[in-house]
N, C-alpha and C. Protein backbone atom coordinates (compact mmCIF):
# COMPACT_ATOMS: atom_id res chain seq x y z
N UNK A 1 144.76 21.12 14.30
CA UNK A 1 144.46 20.65 15.64
C UNK A 1 144.97 19.21 15.79
N UNK A 2 145.59 18.92 16.90
CA UNK A 2 146.04 17.57 17.21
C UNK A 2 144.97 16.84 18.00
N UNK A 3 145.09 15.53 18.07
CA UNK A 3 144.20 14.75 18.94
C UNK A 3 144.42 15.20 20.37
N UNK A 4 143.32 15.26 21.12
CA UNK A 4 143.38 15.75 22.50
C UNK A 4 142.69 14.73 23.41
N UNK A 5 143.43 14.25 24.39
CA UNK A 5 142.84 13.29 25.33
C UNK A 5 141.91 14.03 26.29
N UNK A 6 140.63 13.68 26.25
CA UNK A 6 139.64 14.30 27.13
C UNK A 6 139.57 13.59 28.48
N UNK A 7 139.80 12.29 28.46
CA UNK A 7 139.61 11.50 29.68
C UNK A 7 140.48 10.26 29.58
N UNK A 8 141.26 10.01 30.61
CA UNK A 8 142.09 8.80 30.65
C UNK A 8 142.26 8.42 32.12
N UNK A 9 141.51 7.43 32.54
CA UNK A 9 141.58 7.05 33.94
C UNK A 9 141.41 5.55 34.10
N UNK A 10 141.99 5.06 35.15
CA UNK A 10 141.83 3.65 35.53
C UNK A 10 141.49 3.65 37.02
N UNK A 11 140.33 3.10 37.33
CA UNK A 11 139.84 3.10 38.70
C UNK A 11 139.71 1.65 39.17
N UNK A 12 140.41 1.33 40.24
CA UNK A 12 140.30 0.01 40.84
C UNK A 12 139.01 -0.01 41.64
N UNK A 13 138.11 -0.91 41.28
CA UNK A 13 136.80 -0.95 41.92
C UNK A 13 136.71 -2.02 43.00
N UNK A 14 137.63 -2.97 42.96
CA UNK A 14 137.74 -3.99 44.00
C UNK A 14 139.11 -4.63 43.84
N UNK A 15 139.46 -5.55 44.71
CA UNK A 15 140.77 -6.19 44.56
C UNK A 15 140.81 -7.10 43.34
N UNK A 16 139.66 -7.36 42.73
CA UNK A 16 139.58 -8.23 41.56
C UNK A 16 139.22 -7.50 40.27
N UNK A 17 138.88 -6.21 40.35
CA UNK A 17 138.34 -5.53 39.17
C UNK A 17 138.81 -4.08 39.06
N UNK A 18 138.81 -3.60 37.81
CA UNK A 18 139.05 -2.18 37.56
C UNK A 18 138.27 -1.75 36.32
N UNK A 19 138.07 -0.44 36.23
CA UNK A 19 137.43 0.18 35.07
C UNK A 19 138.46 1.10 34.45
N UNK A 20 138.58 1.04 33.12
CA UNK A 20 139.45 1.96 32.40
C UNK A 20 138.62 2.72 31.38
N UNK A 21 138.80 4.04 31.36
CA UNK A 21 138.05 4.90 30.44
C UNK A 21 139.04 5.81 29.73
N UNK A 22 139.02 5.75 28.39
CA UNK A 22 139.88 6.59 27.56
C UNK A 22 139.01 7.19 26.46
N UNK A 23 138.99 8.52 26.38
CA UNK A 23 138.23 9.22 25.34
C UNK A 23 139.12 10.30 24.74
N UNK A 24 139.24 10.29 23.42
CA UNK A 24 140.03 11.28 22.69
C UNK A 24 139.12 12.12 21.80
N UNK A 25 139.44 13.40 21.68
CA UNK A 25 138.81 14.26 20.67
C UNK A 25 139.80 14.35 19.53
N UNK A 26 139.39 13.97 18.34
CA UNK A 26 140.26 13.89 17.18
C UNK A 26 140.09 15.10 16.27
N UNK A 27 141.09 15.39 15.45
CA UNK A 27 140.96 16.51 14.52
C UNK A 27 139.96 16.24 13.41
N UNK A 28 139.67 14.96 13.15
CA UNK A 28 138.71 14.57 12.11
C UNK A 28 138.08 13.25 12.52
N UNK A 29 136.89 12.97 12.02
CA UNK A 29 136.25 11.70 12.35
C UNK A 29 137.06 10.49 11.89
N UNK A 30 136.94 9.40 12.62
CA UNK A 30 137.51 8.13 12.19
C UNK A 30 136.79 7.67 10.93
N UNK A 31 137.45 6.86 10.15
CA UNK A 31 136.82 6.29 8.96
C UNK A 31 135.55 5.55 9.38
N UNK A 32 134.43 5.89 8.79
CA UNK A 32 133.15 5.26 9.11
C UNK A 32 132.36 5.96 10.20
N UNK A 33 132.89 7.07 10.74
CA UNK A 33 132.19 7.82 11.79
C UNK A 33 131.81 9.20 11.31
N UNK A 34 130.81 9.79 11.97
CA UNK A 34 130.39 11.14 11.63
C UNK A 34 130.78 12.14 12.72
N UNK A 35 131.52 11.70 13.73
CA UNK A 35 131.92 12.56 14.84
C UNK A 35 133.42 12.37 15.09
N UNK A 36 134.01 13.25 15.88
CA UNK A 36 135.47 13.28 16.06
C UNK A 36 135.92 12.78 17.43
N UNK A 37 135.44 11.61 17.83
CA UNK A 37 135.86 11.03 19.11
C UNK A 37 136.34 9.60 18.89
N UNK A 38 137.33 9.21 19.66
CA UNK A 38 137.82 7.83 19.71
C UNK A 38 137.73 7.42 21.17
N UNK A 39 137.19 6.23 21.44
CA UNK A 39 137.00 5.86 22.84
C UNK A 39 137.19 4.37 23.09
N UNK A 40 137.50 4.07 24.35
CA UNK A 40 137.60 2.70 24.84
C UNK A 40 137.26 2.74 26.33
N UNK A 41 136.19 2.07 26.70
CA UNK A 41 135.77 1.98 28.10
C UNK A 41 135.67 0.50 28.42
N UNK A 42 136.29 0.07 29.51
CA UNK A 42 136.34 -1.37 29.78
C UNK A 42 136.19 -1.65 31.27
N UNK A 43 135.52 -2.76 31.56
CA UNK A 43 135.46 -3.33 32.90
C UNK A 43 136.24 -4.64 32.83
N UNK A 44 137.28 -4.74 33.67
CA UNK A 44 138.14 -5.92 33.69
C UNK A 44 138.02 -6.57 35.06
N UNK A 45 137.69 -7.86 35.08
CA UNK A 45 137.53 -8.61 36.32
C UNK A 45 138.41 -9.85 36.23
N UNK A 46 139.23 -10.04 37.25
CA UNK A 46 140.15 -11.19 37.29
C UNK A 46 140.98 -11.29 36.01
N UNK A 47 141.41 -10.14 35.48
CA UNK A 47 142.25 -10.10 34.29
C UNK A 47 141.53 -10.32 32.98
N UNK A 48 140.20 -10.42 33.01
CA UNK A 48 139.41 -10.66 31.79
C UNK A 48 138.51 -9.45 31.54
N UNK A 49 138.52 -8.95 30.32
CA UNK A 49 137.63 -7.85 29.95
C UNK A 49 136.22 -8.41 29.79
N UNK A 50 135.33 -8.05 30.70
CA UNK A 50 133.97 -8.60 30.68
C UNK A 50 132.98 -7.64 30.03
N UNK A 51 133.37 -6.36 29.89
CA UNK A 51 132.49 -5.37 29.28
C UNK A 51 133.38 -4.31 28.63
N UNK A 52 133.11 -3.97 27.36
CA UNK A 52 133.91 -2.95 26.69
C UNK A 52 133.07 -2.23 25.66
N UNK A 53 133.21 -0.92 25.64
CA UNK A 53 132.65 -0.07 24.59
C UNK A 53 133.85 0.49 23.83
N UNK A 54 133.81 0.43 22.49
CA UNK A 54 134.88 1.04 21.73
C UNK A 54 134.43 1.31 20.30
N UNK A 55 135.24 2.09 19.61
CA UNK A 55 134.98 2.37 18.20
C UNK A 55 136.31 2.25 17.46
N UNK A 56 136.33 1.39 16.48
CA UNK A 56 137.52 1.17 15.67
C UNK A 56 137.28 1.78 14.30
N UNK A 57 138.34 2.30 13.73
CA UNK A 57 138.23 2.86 12.38
C UNK A 57 137.69 1.80 11.44
N UNK A 58 136.63 2.14 10.74
CA UNK A 58 136.03 1.22 9.79
C UNK A 58 135.05 0.24 10.41
N UNK A 59 135.13 0.00 11.71
CA UNK A 59 134.23 -0.96 12.37
C UNK A 59 133.05 -0.24 13.03
N UNK A 60 133.29 0.96 13.51
CA UNK A 60 132.22 1.74 14.12
C UNK A 60 132.02 1.47 15.60
N UNK A 61 130.96 2.03 16.12
CA UNK A 61 130.65 1.97 17.54
C UNK A 61 130.06 0.61 17.90
N UNK A 62 130.57 0.03 18.97
CA UNK A 62 130.03 -1.25 19.42
C UNK A 62 130.40 -1.48 20.88
N UNK A 63 129.71 -2.46 21.46
CA UNK A 63 129.99 -2.85 22.83
C UNK A 63 130.14 -4.35 22.88
N UNK A 64 131.03 -4.78 23.76
CA UNK A 64 131.26 -6.20 23.99
C UNK A 64 130.78 -6.51 25.40
N UNK A 65 129.97 -7.52 25.53
CA UNK A 65 129.55 -8.03 26.85
C UNK A 65 129.92 -9.51 26.83
N UNK A 66 131.05 -9.83 27.46
CA UNK A 66 131.58 -11.17 27.34
C UNK A 66 131.94 -11.42 25.88
N UNK A 67 131.47 -12.52 25.32
CA UNK A 67 131.77 -12.87 23.93
C UNK A 67 130.79 -12.26 22.94
N UNK A 68 129.79 -11.55 23.43
CA UNK A 68 128.76 -10.97 22.56
C UNK A 68 129.15 -9.55 22.16
N UNK A 69 129.11 -9.27 20.87
CA UNK A 69 129.38 -7.93 20.35
C UNK A 69 128.11 -7.39 19.73
N UNK A 70 127.76 -6.14 20.10
CA UNK A 70 126.56 -5.50 19.59
C UNK A 70 126.89 -4.08 19.14
N UNK A 71 126.13 -3.59 18.18
CA UNK A 71 126.27 -2.19 17.76
C UNK A 71 125.88 -1.28 18.91
N UNK A 72 126.51 -0.12 18.96
CA UNK A 72 126.19 0.89 19.97
C UNK A 72 125.92 2.20 19.25
N UNK A 73 124.87 2.91 19.65
CA UNK A 73 124.51 4.19 19.04
C UNK A 73 125.14 5.33 19.83
N UNK A 74 126.29 5.83 19.37
CA UNK A 74 126.99 6.93 20.04
C UNK A 74 126.20 8.22 19.88
N UNK A 75 125.99 8.94 20.99
CA UNK A 75 125.31 10.23 20.98
C UNK A 75 126.27 11.34 21.38
N UNK A 76 126.98 11.14 22.50
CA UNK A 76 127.92 12.13 23.02
C UNK A 76 128.84 11.43 24.02
N UNK A 77 129.98 12.04 24.35
CA UNK A 77 130.84 11.45 25.38
C UNK A 77 130.11 11.29 26.72
N UNK A 78 129.26 12.25 27.06
CA UNK A 78 128.52 12.19 28.32
C UNK A 78 127.56 11.01 28.34
N UNK A 79 126.84 10.80 27.23
CA UNK A 79 125.90 9.68 27.17
C UNK A 79 126.65 8.35 27.15
N UNK A 80 127.79 8.32 26.47
CA UNK A 80 128.64 7.13 26.45
C UNK A 80 129.03 6.73 27.88
N UNK A 81 129.49 7.69 28.65
CA UNK A 81 129.89 7.43 30.04
C UNK A 81 128.69 6.93 30.86
N UNK A 82 127.54 7.56 30.69
CA UNK A 82 126.34 7.16 31.43
C UNK A 82 125.92 5.74 31.05
N UNK A 83 125.93 5.43 29.76
CA UNK A 83 125.55 4.08 29.31
C UNK A 83 126.51 3.03 29.84
N UNK A 84 127.81 3.34 29.79
CA UNK A 84 128.82 2.40 30.28
C UNK A 84 128.64 2.19 31.79
N UNK A 85 128.49 3.27 32.54
CA UNK A 85 128.32 3.14 34.00
C UNK A 85 127.08 2.32 34.33
N UNK A 86 126.01 2.51 33.57
CA UNK A 86 124.79 1.72 33.78
C UNK A 86 125.07 0.24 33.54
N UNK A 87 125.77 -0.08 32.45
CA UNK A 87 126.09 -1.48 32.14
C UNK A 87 127.04 -2.09 33.17
N UNK A 88 127.99 -1.30 33.67
CA UNK A 88 128.90 -1.79 34.71
C UNK A 88 128.10 -2.16 35.95
N UNK A 89 127.19 -1.28 36.37
CA UNK A 89 126.39 -1.58 37.55
C UNK A 89 125.50 -2.80 37.33
N UNK A 90 124.90 -2.91 36.16
CA UNK A 90 124.07 -4.06 35.85
C UNK A 90 124.90 -5.35 35.88
N UNK A 91 126.13 -5.31 35.32
CA UNK A 91 127.00 -6.49 35.32
C UNK A 91 127.32 -6.89 36.77
N UNK A 92 127.64 -5.90 37.59
CA UNK A 92 127.96 -6.20 39.00
C UNK A 92 126.76 -6.80 39.72
N UNK A 93 125.59 -6.25 39.48
CA UNK A 93 124.38 -6.78 40.12
C UNK A 93 124.11 -8.23 39.69
N UNK A 94 124.27 -8.49 38.40
CA UNK A 94 123.99 -9.83 37.87
C UNK A 94 125.03 -10.86 38.29
N UNK A 95 126.26 -10.42 38.57
CA UNK A 95 127.35 -11.35 38.88
C UNK A 95 127.77 -11.29 40.35
N UNK A 96 127.02 -10.57 41.16
CA UNK A 96 127.29 -10.54 42.59
C UNK A 96 128.57 -9.81 42.99
N UNK A 97 128.99 -8.83 42.19
CA UNK A 97 130.18 -8.03 42.53
C UNK A 97 129.70 -6.69 43.07
N UNK A 98 130.34 -6.24 44.12
CA UNK A 98 129.95 -4.94 44.69
C UNK A 98 130.79 -3.84 44.13
């Protein structure tokens, strides 16, 4: 089985911001993971990535909120999307972006 892209989209949310979501199903787990997904979800505002969820081989699941990096507990692609969307909305509410 080859890697299969499940989701790859970039949505412009305002003239200053966009969201990019990329999720792959892999033939085998990444080094340090117990599941077969590779992902990168990002909110970019004024050319700066202000929120990102990703998993790197050997580094594992984590989220970046500005300069802060925290571990993230991956459950499923669906939960990942829901968690990211929740954080995007919270970021917009806190920073006055619609």
